[in-house]
Every structure is written in C-alpha cells, then in structure tokens.
Amino acid sequence: WVGLEMNMLAFIPVLTKKMSPRSTEAAIKYFLTQATASMIL
C-alpha cells in the first residue's frame, strides 16, 4: 500500500511537466484512480 502511494506521488510531477490542459487532466485522473484504489485496499 505504501508503495502505491509513493509511486503516485513520484509520478504526478512527470505528468504535469508540460503544464498543458491535457497533462493536468491526466494527472488529476491518475490521482483520483490511485486514491480510490488506496481507499479500497
């Protein structure tokens, strides 16, 4: 579980590096997916 959280926090800056609307949307979707999975676990 901790590994999932560390992976999420490390990967979000990679997604938002370009700062385009699509990359921001992808980062938000990835964050919400990982947060939901963490709550289920």
PDB file of N, CA and C in Angstrom:
ATOM      1  N   TRP A   1       0.821  -1.185   0.000  1.00  0.00           N
ATOM      2  CA  TRP A   1       0.000   0.000   0.000  1.00  0.00           C
ATOM      3  C   TRP A   1       0.873   1.260   0.000  1.00  0.00           C
ATOM      4  N   VAL A   2       1.890   1.273   0.814  1.00  0.00           N
ATOM      5  CA  VAL A   2       2.792   2.423   0.866  1.00  0.00           C
ATOM      6  C   VAL A   2       3.504   2.591  -0.473  1.00  0.00           C
ATOM      7  N   GLY A   3       3.830   1.472  -1.111  1.00  0.00           N
ATOM      8  CA  GLY A   3       4.463   1.537  -2.425  1.00  0.00           C
ATOM      9  C   GLY A   3       3.568   2.191  -3.459  1.00  0.00           C
ATOM     10  N   LEU A   4       2.275   1.915  -3.403  1.00  0.00           N
ATOM     11  CA  LEU A   4       1.332   2.561  -4.327  1.00  0.00           C
ATOM     12  C   LEU A   4       1.303   4.069  -4.115  1.00  0.00           C
ATOM     13  N   GLU A   5       1.299   4.484  -2.871  1.00  0.00           N
ATOM     14  CA  GLU A   5       1.266   5.918  -2.574  1.00  0.00           C
ATOM     15  C   GLU A   5       2.557   6.604  -3.021  1.00  0.00           C
ATOM     16  N   MET A   6       3.678   5.979  -2.773  1.00  0.00           N
ATOM     17  CA  MET A   6       4.955   6.561  -3.195  1.00  0.00           C
ATOM     18  C   MET A   6       5.034   6.661  -4.712  1.00  0.00           C
ATOM     19  N   ASN A   7       4.540   5.631  -5.398  1.00  0.00           N
ATOM     20  CA  ASN A   7       4.527   5.648  -6.854  1.00  0.00           C
ATOM     21  C   ASN A   7       3.661   6.789  -7.363  1.00  0.00           C
ATOM     22  N   MET A   8       2.505   6.983  -6.756  1.00  0.00           N
ATOM     23  CA  MET A   8       1.597   8.039  -7.192  1.00  0.00           C
ATOM     24  C   MET A   8       2.244   9.409  -7.001  1.00  0.00           C
ATOM     25  N   LEU A   9       2.818   9.652  -5.847  1.00  0.00           N
ATOM     26  CA  LEU A   9       3.405  10.961  -5.573  1.00  0.00           C
ATOM     27  C   LEU A   9       4.629  11.233  -6.436  1.00  0.00           C
ATOM     28  N   ALA A  10       5.336  10.188  -6.827  1.00  0.00           N
ATOM     29  CA  ALA A  10       6.507  10.371  -7.679  1.00  0.00           C
ATOM     30  C   ALA A  10       6.125  10.562  -9.142  1.00  0.00           C
ATOM     31  N   PHE A  11       4.984  10.037  -9.555  1.00  0.00           N
ATOM     32  CA  PHE A  11       4.609  10.058 -10.967  1.00  0.00           C
ATOM     33  C   PHE A  11       3.824  11.307 -11.363  1.00  0.00           C
ATOM     34  N   ILE A  12       3.145  11.947 -10.430  1.00  0.00           N
ATOM     35  CA  ILE A  12       2.332  13.122 -10.764  1.00  0.00           C
ATOM     36  C   ILE A  12       3.175  14.271 -11.335  1.00  0.00           C
ATOM     37  N   PRO A  13       4.342  14.607 -10.790  1.00  0.00           N
ATOM     38  CA  PRO A  13       5.132  15.678 -11.419  1.00  0.00           C
ATOM     39  C   PRO A  13       5.555  15.357 -12.853  1.00  0.00           C
ATOM     40  N   VAL A  14       5.747  14.096 -13.153  1.00  0.00           N
ATOM     41  CA  VAL A  14       6.099  13.710 -14.523  1.00  0.00           C
ATOM     42  C   VAL A  14       4.936  14.012 -15.465  1.00  0.00           C
ATOM     43  N   LEU A  15       3.724  13.752 -15.010  1.00  0.00           N
ATOM     44  CA  LEU A  15       2.552  14.010 -15.845  1.00  0.00           C
ATOM     45  C   LEU A  15       2.309  15.499 -16.051  1.00  0.00           C
ATOM     46  N   THR A  16       2.602  16.318 -15.062  1.00  0.00           N
ATOM     47  CA  THR A  16       2.299  17.746 -15.155  1.00  0.00           C
ATOM     48  C   THR A  16       3.486  18.573 -15.629  1.00  0.00           C
ATOM     49  N   LYS A  17       4.518  17.945 -16.131  1.00  0.00           N
ATOM     50  CA  LYS A  17       5.720  18.674 -16.524  1.00  0.00           C
ATOM     51  C   LYS A  17       5.454  19.664 -17.658  1.00  0.00           C
ATOM     52  N   LYS A  18       4.639  19.288 -18.635  1.00  0.00           N
ATOM     53  CA  LYS A  18       4.377  20.168 -19.775  1.00  0.00           C
ATOM     54  C   LYS A  18       3.388  21.283 -19.445  1.00  0.00           C
ATOM     55  N   MET A  19       2.585  21.115 -18.411  1.00  0.00           N
ATOM     56  CA  MET A  19       1.594  22.094 -17.988  1.00  0.00           C
ATOM     57  C   MET A  19       0.559  22.414 -19.068  1.00  0.00           C
ATOM     58  N   SER A  20       0.241  21.444 -19.880  1.00  0.00           N
ATOM     59  CA  SER A  20      -0.845  21.621 -20.839  1.00  0.00           C
ATOM     60  C   SER A  20      -2.139  21.155 -20.176  1.00  0.00           C
ATOM     61  N   PRO A  21      -3.273  21.590 -20.685  1.00  0.00           N
ATOM     62  CA  PRO A  21      -4.542  21.162 -20.072  1.00  0.00           C
ATOM     63  C   PRO A  21      -4.721  19.646 -20.073  1.00  0.00           C
ATOM     64  N   ARG A  22      -4.249  18.980 -21.119  1.00  0.00           N
ATOM     65  CA  ARG A  22      -4.402  17.525 -21.183  1.00  0.00           C
ATOM     66  C   ARG A  22      -3.520  16.826 -20.156  1.00  0.00           C
ATOM     67  N   SER A  23      -2.324  17.346 -19.920  1.00  0.00           N
ATOM     68  CA  SER A  23      -1.460  16.707 -18.927  1.00  0.00           C
ATOM     69  C   SER A  23      -1.994  16.933 -17.516  1.00  0.00           C
ATOM     70  N   THR A  24      -2.566  18.097 -17.275  1.00  0.00           N
ATOM     71  CA  THR A  24      -3.175  18.350 -15.974  1.00  0.00           C
ATOM     72  C   THR A  24      -4.369  17.436 -15.754  1.00  0.00           C
ATOM     73  N   GLU A  25      -5.177  17.255 -16.794  1.00  0.00           N
ATOM     74  CA  GLU A  25      -6.326  16.352 -16.702  1.00  0.00           C
ATOM     75  C   GLU A  25      -5.875  14.924 -16.438  1.00  0.00           C
ATOM     76  N   ALA A  26      -4.813  14.506 -17.117  1.00  0.00           N
ATOM     77  CA  ALA A  26      -4.296  13.153 -16.913  1.00  0.00           C
ATOM     78  C   ALA A  26      -3.789  12.974 -15.485  1.00  0.00           C
ATOM     79  N   ALA A  27      -3.132  13.985 -14.947  1.00  0.00           N
ATOM     80  CA  ALA A  27      -2.625  13.896 -13.579  1.00  0.00           C
ATOM     81  C   ALA A  27      -3.768  13.794 -12.576  1.00  0.00           C
ATOM     82  N   ILE A  28      -4.829  14.568 -12.799  1.00  0.00           N
ATOM     83  CA  ILE A  28      -5.976  14.520 -11.890  1.00  0.00           C
ATOM     84  C   ILE A  28      -6.650  13.158 -11.955  1.00  0.00           C
ATOM     85  N   LYS A  29      -6.827  12.627 -13.166  1.00  0.00           N
ATOM     86  CA  LYS A  29      -7.459  11.311 -13.314  1.00  0.00           C
ATOM     87  C   LYS A  29      -6.603  10.225 -12.672  1.00  0.00           C
ATOM     88  N   TYR A  30      -5.287  10.308 -12.854  1.00  0.00           N
ATOM     89  CA  TYR A  30      -4.390   9.325 -12.255  1.00  0.00           C
ATOM     90  C   TYR A  30      -4.450   9.409 -10.730  1.00  0.00           C
ATOM     91  N   PHE A  31      -4.450  10.635 -10.208  1.00  0.00           N
ATOM     92  CA  PHE A  31      -4.521  10.822  -8.762  1.00  0.00           C
ATOM     93  C   PHE A  31      -5.815  10.252  -8.197  1.00  0.00           C
ATOM     94  N   LEU A  32      -6.942  10.540  -8.844  1.00  0.00           N
ATOM     95  CA  LEU A  32      -8.228  10.050  -8.346  1.00  0.00           C
ATOM     96  C   LEU A  32      -8.314   8.529  -8.421  1.00  0.00           C
ATOM     97  N   THR A  33      -7.772   7.948  -9.485  1.00  0.00           N
ATOM     98  CA  THR A  33      -7.771   6.491  -9.610  1.00  0.00           C
ATOM     99  C   THR A  33      -6.937   5.853  -8.505  1.00  0.00           C
ATOM    100  N   GLN A  34      -5.756   6.397  -8.268  1.00  0.00           N
ATOM    101  CA  GLN A  34      -4.888   5.843  -7.230  1.00  0.00           C
ATOM    102  C   GLN A  34      -5.480   6.059  -5.838  1.00  0.00           C
ATOM    103  N   ALA A  35      -6.099   7.208  -5.607  1.00  0.00           N
ATOM    104  CA  ALA A  35      -6.703   7.465  -4.300  1.00  0.00           C
ATOM    105  C   ALA A  35      -7.865   6.510  -4.041  1.00  0.00           C
ATOM    106  N   THR A  36      -8.662   6.251  -5.073  1.00  0.00           N
ATOM    107  CA  THR A  36      -9.772   5.309  -4.931  1.00  0.00           C
ATOM    108  C   THR A  36      -9.254   3.904  -4.650  1.00  0.00           C
ATOM    109  N   ALA A  37      -8.217   3.502  -5.371  1.00  0.00           N
ATOM    110  CA  ALA A  37      -7.640   2.175  -5.147  1.00  0.00           C
ATOM    111  C   ALA A  37      -7.053   2.065  -3.738  1.00  0.00           C
ATOM    112  N   SER A  38      -6.457   3.128  -3.254  1.00  0.00           N
ATOM    113  CA  SER A  38      -5.897   3.107  -1.900  1.00  0.00           C
ATOM    114  C   SER A  38      -6.987   3.001  -0.847  1.00  0.00           C
ATOM    115  N   MET A  39      -8.116   3.663  -1.085  1.00  0.00           N
ATOM    116  CA  MET A  39      -9.226   3.568  -0.126  1.00  0.00           C
ATOM    117  C   MET A  39      -9.801   2.159  -0.100  1.00  0.00           C
ATOM    118  N   ILE A  40      -9.845   1.509  -1.260  1.00  0.00           N
ATOM    119  CA  ILE A  40     -10.384   0.151  -1.332  1.00  0.00           C
ATOM    120  C   ILE A  40      -9.468  -0.827  -0.603  1.00  0.00           C
ATOM    121  N   LEU A  41      -8.158  -0.620  -0.753  1.00  0.00           N
ATOM    122  CA  LEU A  41      -7.216  -1.501  -0.066  1.00  0.00           C
ATOM    123  C   LEU A  41      -7.267  -1.236   1.415  1.00  0.00           C
TER     124      LEU A  41
END
